[in-house]
């Protein structure tokens, strides 16, 4: 059992969700990442499980985006966010100053797809909602 299993379960209970299996696997194996990804040359940060509660409670994300779970971002203003209003939850990009879900920019249908596509596409800034 990974040392992250307890904190993952606590985060799931805190937010009343079940994390997608591929993201859960990432948290138990790699844990986090913070790097420029080539050839896209975009910065990608995936938060540690220990940061999930603090990151999501900052900036009233839960109030502005019910059903959201911020898991990372571009290291600046853009937050990589699960949209748990849908099943399975896709990943979207939200600016920290966005007021509601209408500002969400679709990134990928799953964490696995996101990690596979990101080196080629980088952040998608005008992707239509599926």
Protein backbone atom coordinates (compact mmCIF):
# COMPACT_ATOMS: atom_id res chain seq x y z
CA UNK A 1 0.00 0.00 0.00
CA UNK A 2 1.29 3.45 -0.96
CA UNK A 3 1.94 6.00 1.74
CA UNK A 4 -0.48 8.25 -0.19
CA UNK A 5 -3.48 5.90 0.19
CA UNK A 6 -4.55 7.40 3.53
CA UNK A 7 -4.37 11.03 2.35
CA UNK A 8 -6.12 10.12 -0.92
CA UNK A 9 -9.00 8.51 0.97
CA UNK A 10 -9.16 11.52 3.31
CA UNK A 11 -9.32 13.92 0.34
CA UNK A 12 -12.09 11.83 -1.26
CA UNK A 13 -14.07 11.89 1.98
CA UNK A 14 -13.46 15.62 2.44
CA UNK A 15 -14.85 16.45 -1.01
CA UNK A 16 -17.44 13.64 -1.12
CA UNK A 17 -16.07 12.22 -4.37
CA UNK A 18 -14.22 9.21 -5.68
CA UNK A 19 -11.11 10.12 -7.66
CA UNK A 20 -10.84 8.58 -11.13
CA UNK A 21 -8.66 5.43 -11.06
CA UNK A 22 -6.00 6.84 -13.42
CA UNK A 23 -5.51 10.00 -11.34
CA UNK A 24 -5.53 7.95 -8.13
CA UNK A 25 -2.83 5.70 -9.63
CA UNK A 26 -0.72 8.76 -10.49
CA UNK A 27 -1.02 10.03 -6.90
CA UNK A 28 0.04 6.67 -5.46
CA UNK A 29 2.97 6.17 -7.84
CA UNK A 30 4.36 9.50 -8.98
CA UNK A 31 2.63 11.74 -6.46
CA UNK A 32 3.11 15.11 -8.16
CA UNK A 33 4.93 16.88 -10.95
CA UNK A 34 6.18 20.36 -11.70
CA UNK A 35 8.05 20.81 -14.97
CA UNK A 36 8.20 22.21 -18.48
CA UNK A 37 6.88 19.56 -20.83
CA UNK A 38 8.48 19.26 -24.26
CA UNK A 39 7.91 19.61 -27.14
CA UNK A 40 4.88 21.71 -26.10
CA UNK A 41 7.20 23.79 -23.89
CA UNK A 42 4.35 24.51 -21.47
CA UNK A 43 4.69 24.33 -17.71
CA UNK A 44 2.60 21.67 -15.99
CA UNK A 45 2.10 21.30 -12.28
CA UNK A 46 0.11 18.46 -10.68
CA UNK A 47 -0.32 19.00 -6.94
CA UNK A 48 0.52 16.49 -4.24
CA UNK A 49 -2.46 14.89 -2.55
CA UNK A 50 -1.53 16.74 0.66
CA UNK A 51 -2.18 20.06 -1.13
CA UNK A 52 -5.63 19.24 -2.52
CA UNK A 53 -7.70 20.55 0.38
CA UNK A 54 -5.76 23.81 0.79
CA UNK A 55 -5.66 24.55 -2.95
CA UNK A 56 -9.37 23.92 -3.34
CA UNK A 57 -10.38 25.96 -0.32
CA UNK A 58 -8.31 28.96 -1.46
CA UNK A 59 -10.11 31.48 -3.61
CA UNK A 60 -13.54 30.01 -2.81
CA UNK A 61 -13.23 27.53 -5.69
CA UNK A 62 -15.76 25.17 -4.16
CA UNK A 63 -18.32 27.98 -3.87
CA UNK A 64 -17.76 29.38 -7.37
CA UNK A 65 -17.42 25.99 -9.03
CA UNK A 66 -19.59 23.40 -7.25
CA UNK A 67 -18.38 19.94 -8.21
CA UNK A 68 -14.85 21.10 -8.98
CA UNK A 69 -11.54 19.68 -7.82
CA UNK A 70 -8.40 21.63 -8.70
CA UNK A 71 -5.50 19.20 -9.15
CA UNK A 72 -2.81 21.44 -10.67
CA UNK A 73 -2.27 24.08 -13.29
CA UNK A 74 0.21 26.10 -15.27
CA UNK A 75 2.08 27.38 -12.20
CA UNK A 76 0.37 30.74 -12.48
CA UNK A 77 -3.29 31.72 -12.86
CA UNK A 78 -4.72 28.71 -14.67
CA UNK A 79 -6.06 25.81 -12.63
CA UNK A 80 -6.35 22.25 -14.00
CA UNK A 81 -9.69 21.15 -12.61
CA UNK A 82 -11.87 18.06 -12.58
CA UNK A 83 -15.53 18.79 -13.33
CA UNK A 84 -17.36 16.31 -11.11
CA UNK A 85 -20.72 17.59 -12.36
CA UNK A 86 -20.15 15.07 -15.16
CA UNK A 87 -19.52 11.34 -15.01
CA UNK A 88 -16.78 10.56 -15.79
CA UNK A 89 -15.35 13.94 -14.81
CA UNK A 90 -13.38 15.67 -17.59
CA UNK A 91 -10.43 17.97 -16.98
CA UNK A 92 -10.90 21.67 -17.69
CA UNK A 93 -8.82 24.81 -17.30
CA UNK A 94 -10.14 27.64 -15.11
CA UNK A 95 -8.55 31.02 -14.47
CA UNK A 96 -8.32 31.86 -10.77
CA UNK A 97 -10.47 34.95 -11.39
CA UNK A 98 -13.24 33.13 -13.30
CA UNK A 99 -16.66 33.60 -11.77
CA UNK A 100 -18.43 30.46 -12.97
CA UNK A 101 -18.24 27.34 -15.12
CA UNK A 102 -18.87 29.30 -18.35
CA UNK A 103 -15.15 30.15 -18.40
CA UNK A 104 -14.04 26.50 -18.32
CA UNK A 105 -11.86 25.38 -21.23
CA UNK A 106 -12.00 21.64 -21.92
CA UNK A 107 -8.58 19.95 -21.76
CA UNK A 108 -9.21 16.18 -21.87
CA UNK A 109 -11.83 13.54 -21.04
CA UNK A 110 -9.49 11.81 -18.54
CA UNK A 111 -6.21 12.21 -16.70
CA UNK A 112 -4.59 9.55 -18.89
CA UNK A 113 -5.70 11.30 -22.08
CA UNK A 114 -4.49 14.63 -20.69
CA UNK A 115 -0.99 13.30 -19.94
CA UNK A 116 -0.80 11.61 -23.34
CA UNK A 117 -1.90 14.73 -25.27
CA UNK A 118 -0.16 17.46 -23.26
CA UNK A 119 3.38 17.03 -24.66
CA UNK A 120 2.02 17.72 -28.17
CA UNK A 121 -0.80 20.17 -27.50
CA UNK A 122 0.24 21.95 -24.32
CA UNK A 123 -2.55 23.96 -22.77
CA UNK A 124 -5.63 24.23 -24.95
CA UNK A 125 -6.80 27.84 -24.79
CA UNK A 126 -9.83 27.71 -27.06
CA UNK A 127 -11.01 24.13 -26.95
CA UNK A 128 -14.79 23.93 -27.22
CA UNK A 129 -16.73 22.07 -24.55
CA UNK A 130 -17.58 18.55 -25.80
